[in-house]
Amino acid sequence: MACLLDSGVLIDISRGRTASIDYVDMLPEPWAISQVTAMELLVGARDKREVAYLDAFLSSHPIVRLSESLGKRAYRLLMDYSKSHGLHVFDSVVAAAALEQGLTLVTRNKRHLAMIDGLILQVPDY
């Protein structure tokens, strides 16, 4: 099954962590990135040079765009899990993107996402 990469994994890659790069290189292609993850990465960039690097990287991979159905699913996830499990807004959108597209979510954030029914997680071991 194709994968959706979460921000933590992509941050590791952008910082040149060899283990994360090797891990993602072994994933089946194609893998995608959610639009909200792309925005998180740009906001977290340290300088304009890193913004340019991230923009080039992001433009070379499929992006799961925000949509009305994705927004509704993220809202339902927040209704179900925000108070009981501490699900946050961005995590709900990324989870909804994976669910909408039938993708495995590759994330280091198992604690906030493992309880979501139907969501398939792959947690890196690096």
N, C-alpha and C. Protein backbone atom coordinates (compact mmCIF):
# COMPACT_ATOMS: atom_id res chain seq x y z
N MET A 1 0.84 -1.18 0.00
CA MET A 1 0.00 0.00 0.00
C MET A 1 0.89 1.24 0.00
N ALA A 2 0.50 2.23 -0.76
CA ALA A 2 1.24 3.49 -0.82
C ALA A 2 1.18 4.21 0.52
N CYS A 3 2.13 5.12 0.73
CA CYS A 3 2.28 5.76 2.03
C CYS A 3 2.10 7.27 1.95
N LEU A 4 1.71 7.82 3.10
CA LEU A 4 1.65 9.26 3.32
C LEU A 4 2.66 9.56 4.41
N LEU A 5 3.62 10.43 4.14
CA LEU A 5 4.67 10.74 5.11
C LEU A 5 4.26 11.91 5.99
N ASP A 6 4.40 11.73 7.30
CA ASP A 6 4.07 12.76 8.27
C ASP A 6 5.25 13.72 8.45
N SER A 7 4.99 14.84 9.08
CA SER A 7 5.99 15.90 9.19
C SER A 7 7.25 15.46 9.96
N GLY A 8 7.11 14.68 11.02
CA GLY A 8 8.29 14.28 11.79
C GLY A 8 9.30 13.53 10.95
N VAL A 9 8.82 12.63 10.11
CA VAL A 9 9.70 11.86 9.22
C VAL A 9 10.35 12.79 8.20
N LEU A 10 9.57 13.70 7.66
CA LEU A 10 10.11 14.62 6.65
C LEU A 10 11.09 15.63 7.26
N ILE A 11 10.86 16.03 8.50
CA ILE A 11 11.81 16.92 9.18
C ILE A 11 13.14 16.20 9.35
N ASP A 12 13.08 14.92 9.74
CA ASP A 12 14.32 14.15 9.86
C ASP A 12 15.08 14.11 8.54
N ILE A 13 14.35 13.92 7.44
CA ILE A 13 14.98 13.89 6.12
C ILE A 13 15.59 15.25 5.79
N SER A 14 14.83 16.32 6.03
CA SER A 14 15.32 17.66 5.68
C SER A 14 16.55 18.04 6.48
N ARG A 15 16.72 17.43 7.64
CA ARG A 15 17.90 17.71 8.47
C ARG A 15 19.05 16.76 8.17
N GLY A 16 18.86 15.94 7.14
CA GLY A 16 19.95 15.08 6.67
C GLY A 16 20.22 13.86 7.53
N ARG A 17 19.25 13.43 8.32
CA ARG A 17 19.44 12.25 9.16
C ARG A 17 19.44 11.00 8.27
N THR A 18 20.60 10.37 8.18
CA THR A 18 20.81 9.25 7.26
C THR A 18 19.82 8.12 7.49
N ALA A 19 19.54 7.79 8.73
CA ALA A 19 18.63 6.67 9.03
C ALA A 19 17.23 6.93 8.48
N SER A 20 16.77 8.17 8.56
CA SER A 20 15.43 8.49 8.04
C SER A 20 15.42 8.45 6.52
N ILE A 21 16.48 8.92 5.90
CA ILE A 21 16.58 8.89 4.44
C ILE A 21 16.59 7.44 3.95
N ASP A 22 17.38 6.60 4.60
CA ASP A 22 17.44 5.19 4.25
C ASP A 22 16.08 4.52 4.44
N TYR A 23 15.41 4.86 5.52
CA TYR A 23 14.10 4.27 5.80
C TYR A 23 13.09 4.62 4.70
N VAL A 24 13.02 5.89 4.35
CA VAL A 24 12.06 6.33 3.33
C VAL A 24 12.44 5.78 1.96
N ASP A 25 13.73 5.65 1.68
CA ASP A 25 14.16 5.07 0.41
C ASP A 25 13.67 3.63 0.24
N MET A 26 13.42 2.94 1.36
CA MET A 26 12.96 1.55 1.30
C MET A 26 11.44 1.44 1.20
N LEU A 27 10.72 2.54 1.32
CA LEU A 27 9.26 2.50 1.23
C LEU A 27 8.83 2.30 -0.21
N PRO A 28 7.71 1.59 -0.40
CA PRO A 28 7.20 1.43 -1.77
C PRO A 28 6.74 2.78 -2.32
N GLU A 29 7.01 2.99 -3.57
CA GLU A 29 6.58 4.24 -4.21
C GLU A 29 5.27 3.99 -4.94
N PRO A 30 4.46 4.96 -5.18
CA PRO A 30 4.70 6.35 -4.80
C PRO A 30 4.27 6.60 -3.37
N TRP A 31 4.92 7.55 -2.73
CA TRP A 31 4.45 8.02 -1.44
C TRP A 31 4.10 9.49 -1.58
N ALA A 32 3.24 9.95 -0.69
CA ALA A 32 2.70 11.31 -0.83
C ALA A 32 2.88 12.09 0.46
N ILE A 33 2.53 13.36 0.39
CA ILE A 33 2.62 14.30 1.51
C ILE A 33 1.30 15.06 1.56
N SER A 34 0.76 15.25 2.75
CA SER A 34 -0.46 16.04 2.84
C SER A 34 -0.13 17.52 2.72
N GLN A 35 -1.09 18.28 2.25
CA GLN A 35 -0.88 19.71 2.07
C GLN A 35 -0.60 20.39 3.42
N VAL A 36 -1.25 19.93 4.47
CA VAL A 36 -1.01 20.54 5.78
C VAL A 36 0.40 20.21 6.28
N THR A 37 0.90 19.03 5.98
CA THR A 37 2.29 18.69 6.33
C THR A 37 3.25 19.57 5.57
N ALA A 38 2.98 19.81 4.30
CA ALA A 38 3.82 20.70 3.50
C ALA A 38 3.87 22.09 4.12
N MET A 39 2.72 22.57 4.57
CA MET A 39 2.67 23.90 5.20
C MET A 39 3.43 23.90 6.53
N GLU A 40 3.31 22.84 7.32
CA GLU A 40 4.05 22.72 8.58
C GLU A 40 5.55 22.79 8.34
N LEU A 41 6.01 22.11 7.29
CA LEU A 41 7.43 22.10 6.98
C LEU A 41 7.93 23.49 6.61
N LEU A 42 7.15 24.19 5.79
CA LEU A 42 7.58 25.54 5.38
C LEU A 42 7.64 26.49 6.57
N VAL A 43 6.66 26.40 7.46
CA VAL A 43 6.65 27.27 8.64
C VAL A 43 7.85 26.97 9.54
N GLY A 44 8.24 25.70 9.60
CA GLY A 44 9.36 25.32 10.46
C GLY A 44 10.73 25.52 9.84
N ALA A 45 10.77 25.98 8.60
CA ALA A 45 12.07 26.19 7.94
C ALA A 45 12.88 27.25 8.70
N ARG A 46 14.18 27.02 8.76
CA ARG A 46 15.05 27.91 9.53
C ARG A 46 15.41 29.20 8.80
N ASP A 47 15.41 29.16 7.47
CA ASP A 47 15.79 30.35 6.70
C ASP A 47 15.25 30.21 5.27
N LYS A 48 15.48 31.26 4.47
CA LYS A 48 14.97 31.26 3.09
C LYS A 48 15.58 30.15 2.24
N ARG A 49 16.83 29.83 2.51
CA ARG A 49 17.47 28.74 1.77
C ARG A 49 16.75 27.42 2.03
N GLU A 50 16.39 27.17 3.28
CA GLU A 50 15.68 25.95 3.61
C GLU A 50 14.27 25.96 3.03
N VAL A 51 13.63 27.12 2.97
CA VAL A 51 12.31 27.23 2.34
C VAL A 51 12.41 26.84 0.87
N ALA A 52 13.44 27.33 0.18
CA ALA A 52 13.63 27.00 -1.24
C ALA A 52 13.89 25.51 -1.42
N TYR A 53 14.71 24.92 -0.56
CA TYR A 53 14.98 23.49 -0.62
C TYR A 53 13.69 22.70 -0.42
N LEU A 54 12.92 23.06 0.61
CA LEU A 54 11.66 22.36 0.90
C LEU A 54 10.66 22.51 -0.25
N ASP A 55 10.58 23.70 -0.81
CA ASP A 55 9.65 23.93 -1.92
C ASP A 55 10.00 23.03 -3.10
N ALA A 56 11.27 22.92 -3.42
CA ALA A 56 11.70 22.04 -4.53
C ALA A 56 11.41 20.58 -4.18
N PHE A 57 11.70 20.19 -2.96
CA PHE A 57 11.43 18.81 -2.52
C PHE A 57 9.94 18.51 -2.60
N LEU A 58 9.12 19.39 -2.05
CA LEU A 58 7.67 19.17 -2.01
C LEU A 58 7.06 19.14 -3.41
N SER A 59 7.56 19.97 -4.30
CA SER A 59 6.99 20.03 -5.65
C SER A 59 7.31 18.78 -6.46
N SER A 60 8.25 17.97 -5.98
CA SER A 60 8.61 16.76 -6.71
C SER A 60 7.86 15.52 -6.21
N HIS A 61 6.92 15.70 -5.29
CA HIS A 61 6.16 14.57 -4.73
C HIS A 61 4.67 14.88 -4.77
N PRO A 62 3.84 13.82 -4.87
CA PRO A 62 2.39 14.05 -4.86
C PRO A 62 1.94 14.66 -3.53
N ILE A 63 1.07 15.64 -3.63
CA ILE A 63 0.52 16.32 -2.45
C ILE A 63 -0.97 15.98 -2.36
N VAL A 64 -1.41 15.51 -1.19
CA VAL A 64 -2.84 15.27 -0.96
C VAL A 64 -3.43 16.62 -0.54
N ARG A 65 -4.21 17.18 -1.44
CA ARG A 65 -4.77 18.53 -1.25
C ARG A 65 -5.92 18.53 -0.26
N LEU A 66 -6.08 19.66 0.38
CA LEU A 66 -7.23 19.86 1.26
C LEU A 66 -8.49 19.88 0.41
N SER A 67 -9.55 19.31 0.94
CA SER A 67 -10.82 19.27 0.23
C SER A 67 -11.95 19.34 1.25
N GLU A 68 -13.14 19.53 0.76
CA GLU A 68 -14.29 19.59 1.66
C GLU A 68 -14.47 18.26 2.39
N SER A 69 -14.36 17.14 1.67
CA SER A 69 -14.56 15.84 2.31
C SER A 69 -13.46 15.55 3.33
N LEU A 70 -12.23 15.96 3.03
CA LEU A 70 -11.14 15.78 3.96
C LEU A 70 -11.37 16.61 5.22
N GLY A 71 -11.82 17.83 5.05
CA GLY A 71 -12.13 18.68 6.19
C GLY A 71 -13.23 18.11 7.06
N LYS A 72 -14.25 17.56 6.44
CA LYS A 72 -15.34 16.95 7.21
C LYS A 72 -14.85 15.73 7.97
N ARG A 73 -13.99 14.94 7.35
CA ARG A 73 -13.48 13.75 8.04
C ARG A 73 -12.58 14.16 9.20
N ALA A 74 -11.74 15.17 9.00
CA ALA A 74 -10.88 15.67 10.09
C ALA A 74 -11.73 16.19 11.24
N TYR A 75 -12.81 16.86 10.93
CA TYR A 75 -13.73 17.36 11.96
C TYR A 75 -14.31 16.20 12.76
N ARG A 76 -14.74 15.16 12.06
CA ARG A 76 -15.30 13.98 12.75
C ARG A 76 -14.25 13.31 13.62
N LEU A 77 -13.02 13.25 13.15
CA LEU A 77 -11.95 12.68 13.96
C LEU A 77 -11.73 13.50 15.23
N LEU A 78 -11.78 14.82 15.11
CA LEU A 78 -11.64 15.67 16.29
C LEU A 78 -12.79 15.46 17.26
N MET A 79 -14.00 15.33 16.72
CA MET A 79 -15.16 15.07 17.57
C MET A 79 -14.97 13.77 18.35
N ASP A 80 -14.43 12.76 17.69
CA ASP A 80 -14.28 11.44 18.30
C ASP A 80 -13.07 11.33 19.24
N TYR A 81 -11.98 12.05 18.94
CA TYR A 81 -10.73 11.77 19.63
C TYR A 81 -10.03 12.97 20.29
N SER A 82 -10.49 14.19 20.09
CA SER A 82 -9.74 15.31 20.66
C SER A 82 -9.78 15.32 22.18
N LYS A 83 -10.91 15.10 22.76
CA LYS A 83 -11.01 15.14 24.23
C LYS A 83 -10.58 13.83 24.87
N SER A 84 -10.91 12.72 24.26
CA SER A 84 -10.57 11.44 24.86
C SER A 84 -9.11 11.05 24.69
N HIS A 85 -8.48 11.48 23.58
CA HIS A 85 -7.11 11.05 23.30
C HIS A 85 -6.14 12.19 22.99
N GLY A 86 -6.61 13.42 23.01
CA GLY A 86 -5.73 14.56 22.77
C GLY A 86 -5.36 14.78 21.32
N LEU A 87 -6.20 14.34 20.39
CA LEU A 87 -5.92 14.55 18.97
C LEU A 87 -5.91 16.05 18.66
N HIS A 88 -4.88 16.49 17.95
CA HIS A 88 -4.74 17.90 17.57
C HIS A 88 -5.24 18.13 16.14
N VAL A 89 -5.44 19.40 15.81
CA VAL A 89 -6.01 19.77 14.51
C VAL A 89 -5.15 19.25 13.35
N PHE A 90 -3.86 19.57 13.33
CA PHE A 90 -3.03 19.16 12.19
C PHE A 90 -2.97 17.63 12.09
N ASP A 91 -2.89 16.96 13.23
CA ASP A 91 -2.86 15.49 13.21
C ASP A 91 -4.16 14.94 12.64
N SER A 92 -5.28 15.58 12.96
CA SER A 92 -6.57 15.10 12.43
C SER A 92 -6.63 15.27 10.92
N VAL A 93 -6.06 16.34 10.40
CA VAL A 93 -6.07 16.57 8.96
C VAL A 93 -5.18 15.57 8.24
N VAL A 94 -4.01 15.30 8.80
CA VAL A 94 -3.10 14.32 8.19
C VAL A 94 -3.73 12.93 8.23
N ALA A 95 -4.33 12.57 9.36
CA ALA A 95 -5.00 11.27 9.47
C ALA A 95 -6.15 11.17 8.48
N ALA A 96 -6.92 12.24 8.36
CA ALA A 96 -8.03 12.25 7.41
C ALA A 96 -7.53 12.09 5.98
N ALA A 97 -6.40 12.72 5.66
CA ALA A 97 -5.82 12.59 4.32
C ALA A 97 -5.45 11.13 4.03
N ALA A 98 -4.84 10.47 5.00
CA ALA A 98 -4.46 9.06 4.82
C ALA A 98 -5.71 8.20 4.65
N LEU A 99 -6.72 8.44 5.46
CA LEU A 99 -7.95 7.66 5.37
C LEU A 99 -8.67 7.90 4.04
N GLU A 100 -8.76 9.16 3.62
CA GLU A 100 -9.45 9.52 2.37
C GLU A 100 -8.78 8.86 1.16
N GLN A 101 -7.46 8.78 1.19
CA GLN A 101 -6.72 8.27 0.03
C GLN A 101 -6.38 6.78 0.15
N GLY A 102 -6.72 6.16 1.28
CA GLY A 102 -6.39 4.76 1.48
C GLY A 102 -4.89 4.52 1.59
N LEU A 103 -4.19 5.44 2.27
CA LEU A 103 -2.74 5.38 2.38
C LEU A 103 -2.32 4.96 3.79
N THR A 104 -1.18 4.31 3.88
CA THR A 104 -0.57 4.02 5.17
C THR A 104 0.15 5.28 5.64
N LEU A 105 -0.11 5.70 6.87
CA LEU A 105 0.52 6.90 7.41
C LEU A 105 1.84 6.52 8.07
N VAL A 106 2.94 7.03 7.54
CA VAL A 106 4.26 6.81 8.10
C VAL A 106 4.54 7.98 9.04
N THR A 107 4.59 7.66 10.34
CA THR A 107 4.69 8.71 11.36
C THR A 107 5.47 8.23 12.57
N ARG A 108 6.10 9.16 13.24
CA ARG A 108 6.72 8.87 14.53
C ARG A 108 5.76 9.23 15.66
N ASN A 109 4.57 9.71 15.32
CA ASN A 109 3.59 10.21 16.27
C ASN A 109 2.51 9.16 16.58
N LYS A 110 2.92 7.98 16.92
CA LYS A 110 1.98 6.88 17.19
C LYS A 110 1.04 7.22 18.35
N ARG A 111 1.55 7.88 19.35
CA ARG A 111 0.78 8.18 20.57
C ARG A 111 -0.51 8.94 20.27
N HIS A 112 -0.46 9.88 19.34
CA HIS A 112 -1.64 10.71 19.04
C HIS A 112 -2.52 10.15 17.94
N LEU A 113 -2.10 9.07 17.28
CA LEU A 113 -2.83 8.59 16.11
C LEU A 113 -3.26 7.13 16.15
N ALA A 114 -2.66 6.32 17.00
CA ALA A 114 -2.89 4.88 16.99
C ALA A 114 -4.34 4.50 17.28
N MET A 115 -5.09 5.33 17.95
CA MET A 115 -6.45 4.99 18.35
C MET A 115 -7.48 5.21 17.25
N ILE A 116 -7.09 5.79 16.13
CA ILE A 116 -8.05 6.13 15.08
C ILE A 116 -8.45 4.88 14.30
N ASP A 117 -9.73 4.57 14.36
CA ASP A 117 -10.26 3.40 13.67
C ASP A 117 -10.01 3.49 12.17
N GLY A 118 -9.48 2.41 11.61
CA GLY A 118 -9.27 2.32 10.17
C GLY A 118 -7.97 2.92 9.67
N LEU A 119 -7.28 3.67 10.52
CA LEU A 119 -6.02 4.30 10.11
C LEU A 119 -4.89 3.28 10.23
N ILE A 120 -4.16 3.07 9.14
CA ILE A 120 -3.03 2.15 9.15
C ILE A 120 -1.76 2.97 9.35
N LEU A 121 -1.05 2.65 10.43
CA LEU A 121 0.18 3.36 10.76
C LEU A 121 1.39 2.49 10.49
N GLN A 122 2.45 3.15 10.09
CA GLN A 122 3.77 2.52 10.00
C GLN A 122 4.72 3.43 10.76
N VAL A 123 5.29 2.91 11.84
CA VAL A 123 6.15 3.72 12.70
C VAL A 123 7.60 3.34 12.40
N PRO A 124 8.40 4.31 11.93
CA PRO A 124 9.81 4.01 11.62
C PRO A 124 10.55 3.51 12.86
N ASP A 125 11.52 2.64 12.63
CA ASP A 125 12.31 2.10 13.73
C ASP A 125 13.71 2.68 13.76
N TYR A 126 13.93 3.77 13.08
CA TYR A 126 15.28 4.36 13.10
C TYR A 126 15.48 5.20 14.34
